[in-house]
Protein backbone atom coordinates (compact mmCIF):
# COMPACT_ATOMS: atom_id res chain seq x y z
CA UNK A 1 -0.01 0.00 0.00
CA UNK A 2 1.31 3.44 -0.88
CA UNK A 3 2.44 5.57 2.04
CA UNK A 4 1.08 8.91 0.90
CA UNK A 5 -2.29 9.83 2.40
CA UNK A 6 -4.93 10.92 -0.08
CA UNK A 7 -7.61 13.07 1.48
CA UNK A 8 -11.24 12.94 0.38
CA UNK A 9 -12.45 16.22 -1.04
CA UNK A 10 -14.97 18.25 0.94
CA UNK A 11 -18.62 17.85 0.04
CA UNK A 12 -18.24 14.13 -0.57
CA UNK A 13 -20.89 11.44 -0.17
CA UNK A 14 -20.28 8.06 1.51
CA UNK A 15 -22.52 4.98 1.35
CA UNK A 16 -22.31 2.12 3.84
CA UNK A 17 -24.16 -1.16 3.22
CA UNK A 18 -25.01 -3.11 6.36
CA UNK A 19 -25.06 0.03 8.48
CA UNK A 20 -27.52 -0.80 11.25
CA UNK A 21 -25.08 -2.40 13.72
CA UNK A 22 -21.55 -3.58 14.35
CA UNK A 23 -18.76 -2.35 12.11
CA UNK A 24 -21.19 -0.81 9.63
CA UNK A 25 -22.83 1.36 12.28
CA UNK A 26 -19.41 2.39 13.63
CA UNK A 27 -18.33 3.37 10.11
CA UNK A 28 -21.40 5.57 9.72
CA UNK A 29 -20.69 7.26 13.05
CA UNK A 30 -17.04 7.88 12.11
CA UNK A 31 -18.00 9.27 8.70
CA UNK A 32 -20.55 11.63 10.25
CA UNK A 33 -17.71 13.05 12.35
CA UNK A 34 -15.55 13.62 9.25
CA UNK A 35 -16.08 17.12 7.89
CA UNK A 36 -15.12 16.02 4.39
CA UNK A 37 -18.37 14.09 4.01
CA UNK A 38 -21.46 16.22 3.85
CA UNK A 39 -23.73 13.24 3.26
CA UNK A 40 -23.63 9.70 4.64
CA UNK A 41 -26.05 7.14 3.23
CA UNK A 42 -26.83 4.14 5.44
CA UNK A 43 -28.23 1.18 3.52
CA UNK A 44 -29.96 -1.25 5.88
CA UNK A 45 -32.27 -4.23 5.65
CA UNK A 46 -34.97 -2.79 7.94
CA UNK A 47 -34.77 1.03 8.19
CA UNK A 48 -37.72 1.22 10.58
CA UNK A 49 -35.91 -0.83 13.22
CA UNK A 50 -32.41 0.65 12.83
CA UNK A 51 -32.32 2.09 16.35
CA UNK A 52 -28.56 2.53 16.34
CA UNK A 53 -28.75 4.93 13.42
CA UNK A 54 -31.52 6.90 15.10
CA UNK A 55 -29.24 7.65 18.03
CA UNK A 56 -26.39 9.11 15.98
CA UNK A 57 -25.57 12.79 16.17
CA UNK A 58 -25.65 14.66 12.87
CA UNK A 59 -23.84 18.01 12.79
CA UNK A 60 -25.38 21.08 11.10
CA UNK A 61 -24.73 21.11 7.40
CA UNK A 62 -24.46 17.31 7.22
CA UNK A 63 -27.08 14.72 6.42
CA UNK A 64 -27.68 11.07 7.25
CA UNK A 65 -29.91 9.30 4.75
CA UNK A 66 -31.41 5.87 5.34
CA UNK A 67 -32.21 3.57 2.44
CA UNK A 68 -33.59 0.04 2.41
CA UNK A 69 -31.23 -2.58 1.02
CA UNK A 70 -31.97 -6.24 1.69
CA UNK A 71 -29.42 -8.66 0.24
CA UNK A 72 -32.15 -11.32 0.11
CA UNK A 73 -34.14 -9.09 -2.26
CA UNK A 74 -31.96 -8.01 -5.19
CA UNK A 75 -34.61 -5.54 -6.34
CA UNK A 76 -33.85 -3.40 -3.27
CA UNK A 77 -30.19 -3.22 -4.31
CA UNK A 78 -31.10 -1.85 -7.71
CA UNK A 79 -33.62 0.47 -6.06
CA UNK A 80 -30.79 2.08 -4.08
CA UNK A 81 -28.99 2.73 -7.35
CA UNK A 82 -32.11 4.29 -8.81
CA UNK A 83 -32.43 6.53 -5.75
CA UNK A 84 -28.85 7.70 -6.25
CA UNK A 85 -29.72 8.58 -9.85
CA UNK A 86 -32.93 10.35 -8.95
CA UNK A 87 -31.34 12.47 -6.24
CA UNK A 88 -28.10 13.12 -8.06
CA UNK A 89 -25.96 11.50 -5.37
CA UNK A 90 -22.59 10.16 -6.49
CA UNK A 91 -20.70 8.49 -3.62
CA UNK A 92 -16.94 8.76 -3.56
CA UNK A 93 -16.83 6.09 -0.85
CA UNK A 94 -18.74 2.80 -0.88
CA UNK A 95 -18.26 0.26 1.91
CA UNK A 96 -20.02 -3.10 1.99
CA UNK A 97 -20.03 -4.14 5.66
CA UNK A 98 -22.77 -6.79 5.78
CA UNK A 99 -21.75 -10.37 6.46
CA UNK A 100 -22.88 -13.70 7.90
CA UNK A 101 -21.01 -16.25 10.00
CA UNK A 102 -23.80 -17.83 12.05
CA UNK A 103 -27.57 -17.63 12.18
CA UNK A 104 -30.10 -19.13 14.56
CA UNK A 105 -31.20 -21.83 14.93
CA UNK A 106 -28.94 -24.14 12.90
CA UNK A 107 -26.39 -22.22 10.83
CA UNK A 108 -23.01 -22.44 12.58
CA UNK A 109 -19.41 -22.57 11.30
CA UNK A 110 -18.47 -26.11 10.34
CA UNK A 111 -15.72 -27.98 12.18
CA UNK A 112 -15.57 -30.99 9.84
CA UNK A 113 -16.79 -32.15 6.43
CA UNK A 114 -19.70 -33.99 8.03
CA UNK A 115 -21.10 -30.65 9.19
CA UNK A 116 -21.58 -29.35 5.64
CA UNK A 117 -25.18 -28.61 4.74
CA UNK A 118 -26.42 -27.51 1.33
CA UNK A 119 -28.91 -24.96 2.63
CA UNK A 120 -26.39 -23.42 5.02
CA UNK A 121 -23.75 -23.20 2.30
CA UNK A 122 -26.20 -21.47 -0.01
CA UNK A 123 -27.28 -19.05 2.70
CA UNK A 124 -23.73 -18.01 3.59
CA UNK A 125 -22.78 -17.53 -0.05
CA UNK A 126 -25.97 -15.54 -0.67
CA UNK A 127 -25.01 -13.00 1.99
CA UNK A 128 -21.22 -12.99 1.82
CA UNK A 129 -20.63 -13.39 -1.92
CA UNK A 130 -23.67 -12.96 -4.13
CA UNK A 131 -25.02 -9.96 -2.21
CA UNK A 132 -21.80 -7.91 -2.39
CA UNK A 133 -21.40 -8.84 -6.07
CA UNK A 134 -24.84 -7.42 -6.83
CA UNK A 135 -24.04 -4.32 -4.77
CA UNK A 136 -20.94 -3.73 -6.89
CA UNK A 137 -22.95 -4.33 -10.04
CA UNK A 138 -25.58 -1.77 -9.10
CA UNK A 139 -23.52 0.89 -7.32
CA UNK A 140 -20.00 0.92 -8.76
CA UNK A 141 -21.15 2.53 -12.05
CA UNK A 142 -22.99 5.16 -9.99
CA UNK A 143 -20.00 6.33 -7.99
CA UNK A 144 -18.36 9.72 -8.42
CA UNK A 145 -16.17 9.62 -11.54
CA UNK A 146 -14.81 13.15 -11.21
CA UNK A 147 -12.73 12.54 -8.07
CA UNK A 148 -10.82 9.76 -6.38
CA UNK A 149 -13.29 7.12 -5.21
CA UNK A 150 -12.96 3.96 -3.09
CA UNK A 151 -15.21 0.90 -3.08
CA UNK A 152 -14.38 -1.56 -0.31
CA UNK A 153 -15.82 -4.84 0.91
CA UNK A 154 -15.33 -6.16 4.44
CA UNK A 155 -13.74 -9.54 3.89
CA UNK A 156 -11.84 -11.67 6.43
CA UNK A 157 -8.35 -13.07 6.80
CA UNK A 158 -9.86 -16.55 6.99
CA UNK A 159 -10.87 -16.06 3.36
CA UNK A 160 -7.20 -16.18 2.40
CA UNK A 161 -6.35 -19.51 0.76
CA UNK A 162 -2.62 -19.00 1.25
CA UNK A 163 -3.04 -18.19 4.93
CA UNK A 164 -5.34 -21.12 5.74
CA UNK A 165 -3.49 -23.29 8.22
CA UNK A 166 -6.24 -24.23 10.68
CA UNK A 167 -9.07 -25.45 8.45
CA UNK A 168 -12.72 -25.47 9.53
CA UNK A 169 -15.36 -22.82 8.85
CA UNK A 170 -15.84 -24.16 5.33
CA UNK A 171 -18.74 -21.98 4.20
CA UNK A 172 -17.43 -18.73 5.70
CA UNK A 173 -13.89 -19.23 4.42
CA UNK A 174 -15.05 -20.20 0.93
CA UNK A 175 -17.61 -17.39 0.69
CA UNK A 176 -15.00 -14.78 1.63
CA UNK A 177 -12.46 -16.28 -0.78
CA UNK A 178 -15.07 -16.04 -3.53
CA UNK A 179 -15.84 -12.45 -2.48
CA UNK A 180 -12.14 -11.63 -2.79
CA UNK A 181 -12.09 -13.03 -6.33
CA UNK A 182 -15.12 -10.97 -7.30
CA UNK A 183 -13.52 -7.84 -5.86
CA UNK A 184 -10.25 -8.54 -7.67
CA UNK A 185 -12.01 -9.18 -10.97
CA UNK A 186 -14.14 -6.06 -10.62
CA UNK A 187 -11.00 -4.02 -9.96
CA UNK A 188 -9.56 -5.10 -13.32
CA UNK A 189 -12.73 -4.00 -15.10
CA UNK A 190 -12.77 -0.75 -13.13
CA UNK A 191 -9.32 0.18 -14.41
CA UNK A 192 -10.87 0.43 -17.85
CA UNK A 193 -14.28 1.84 -17.01
CA UNK A 194 -13.76 3.80 -13.78
CA UNK A 195 -10.06 4.73 -13.67
CA UNK A 196 -10.42 6.97 -10.59
CA UNK A 197 -12.01 4.23 -8.48
CA UNK A 198 -9.94 2.06 -6.13
CA UNK A 199 -11.37 -1.30 -5.06
CA UNK A 200 -10.16 -3.14 -1.96
CA UNK A 201 -11.01 -6.10 0.26
CA UNK A 202 -10.45 -5.35 3.95
CA UNK A 203 -9.90 -7.58 6.99
CA UNK A 204 -11.21 -5.75 10.08
CA UNK A 205 -9.62 -7.93 12.74
CA UNK A 206 -11.68 -9.59 15.44
CA UNK A 207 -14.19 -6.95 16.45
CA UNK A 208 -16.63 -7.02 19.36
CA UNK A 209 -19.84 -7.49 17.40
CA UNK A 210 -22.66 -9.98 17.23
CA UNK A 211 -20.86 -11.81 14.42
CA UNK A 212 -17.83 -12.66 16.58
CA UNK A 213 -19.56 -12.85 19.97
CA UNK A 214 -19.85 -16.67 20.19
CA UNK A 215 -16.15 -17.09 19.33
CA UNK A 216 -14.48 -14.49 21.56
CA UNK A 217 -13.58 -16.70 24.53
CA UNK A 218 -10.02 -17.40 23.38
CA UNK A 219 -9.32 -13.98 21.89
CA UNK A 220 -6.85 -11.89 23.96
CA UNK A 221 -8.26 -8.58 25.13
CA UNK A 222 -5.72 -6.63 23.09
CA UNK A 223 -6.82 -8.42 19.91
CA UNK A 224 -10.56 -7.88 20.40
CA UNK A 225 -11.28 -4.49 18.92
CA UNK A 226 -14.10 -2.08 19.71
CA UNK A 227 -16.18 -1.30 16.61
CA UNK A 228 -15.17 2.37 16.83
CA UNK A 229 -11.47 1.42 16.71
CA UNK A 230 -12.02 -0.89 13.76
CA UNK A 231 -13.96 1.75 11.85
CA UNK A 232 -11.24 4.37 12.32
CA UNK A 233 -8.50 1.96 11.30
CA UNK A 234 -10.35 0.79 8.19
CA UNK A 235 -11.06 4.36 7.12
CA UNK A 236 -7.37 5.17 7.59
CA UNK A 237 -6.41 2.22 5.39
CA UNK A 238 -8.83 3.32 2.67
CA UNK A 239 -7.57 6.88 2.87
CA UNK A 240 -4.03 5.71 2.22
CA UNK A 241 -4.81 3.60 -0.84
CA UNK A 242 -3.46 4.65 -4.22
CA UNK A 243 -4.68 3.55 -7.63
CA UNK A 244 -1.91 0.94 -7.81
CA UNK A 245 -3.40 -0.68 -4.68
CA UNK A 246 -6.72 -1.33 -6.41
CA UNK A 247 -7.72 -4.97 -6.25
CA UNK A 248 -5.70 -5.61 -3.11
CA UNK A 249 -6.52 -7.38 0.16
CA UNK A 250 -5.52 -5.42 3.25
CA UNK A 251 -5.73 -5.88 7.01
CA UNK A 252 -6.90 -3.24 9.48
CA UNK A 253 -3.28 -2.16 10.02
CA UNK A 254 -2.63 -1.63 6.31
CA UNK A 255 -0.63 -4.83 5.81
CA UNK A 256 -1.26 -6.77 2.62
CA UNK A 257 -2.80 -10.23 3.01
CA UNK A 258 -2.03 -13.11 0.60
CA UNK A 259 -4.91 -14.37 -1.47
C-alpha cells in the first residue's frame, strides 16, 4: 500500500451497506464526524428498526440518509442505485459491511466435512458473496467519476487460501475467498471503465460485534477491537490507498494479506 495519504475532497458522499449495527454502524458514526463528508447514506435491511442509526448525532450542514437494502431481495439493491440517480448522489466512498457467520437456529461454522449442509452453504454464499457482487454491479457505475473514489468490501483473513493453516469454517472461508475473487475481478474491469475508483477487500480484525460474539472466549483482550477502533482503522487504510493498490486485500493495520 502506498504511504502517501490521499484526502477525500470536501462535500463528498459516503454509502455504507449493512449500516444498522456492528462495524457498519461504527463506520457511519465515524463518517458523520468527518467534515469532508457532507452526506452519509446508510443502507440497511430494515430502516424502521435501525435504532442505532436513530441515536447518531448529525452536525449542522451534514445529512444522514437511510435507504432500504436487503441482500435477500436483489430488487432493493437496484432500487438504491435508482435513488442515487434520482437524487443526483454520487458516492466517492462505498463500503459493503454486511456479512454472515452464524444464524439461529442451525447455521453455525463447520468444524468438519460432516457438518456441511447444502442450505447453510447457499445461505452463507448468498449474503457474503452474491449480495456484495450485486451491490458492486448496481452501485459501482454510480460512484463519483470526477474525483478519487474507493469501493471496499469487508472480507476476512480466513478467506485467504494461502493463509489457511487451521481449516474449519468451510462456508465462511469459501464465501470470503469467492468475495475476494469478485472484488479482484471487478477491480480489473474498473481500471478500464472507472479509472479513478480504487477497489479493496479489507480484513477488520476480530471486532466485538454480534458476528464474533460466540467465538471471543479465546481472543486476547488486546486483539478484540471495539467497533469504533475498527472503523477508524479501516477508514485510515482506505484513505491511504493509491490507484496501484486497487484490487488488493488489506488488514486493518494496512498490511497486505495473501490471497
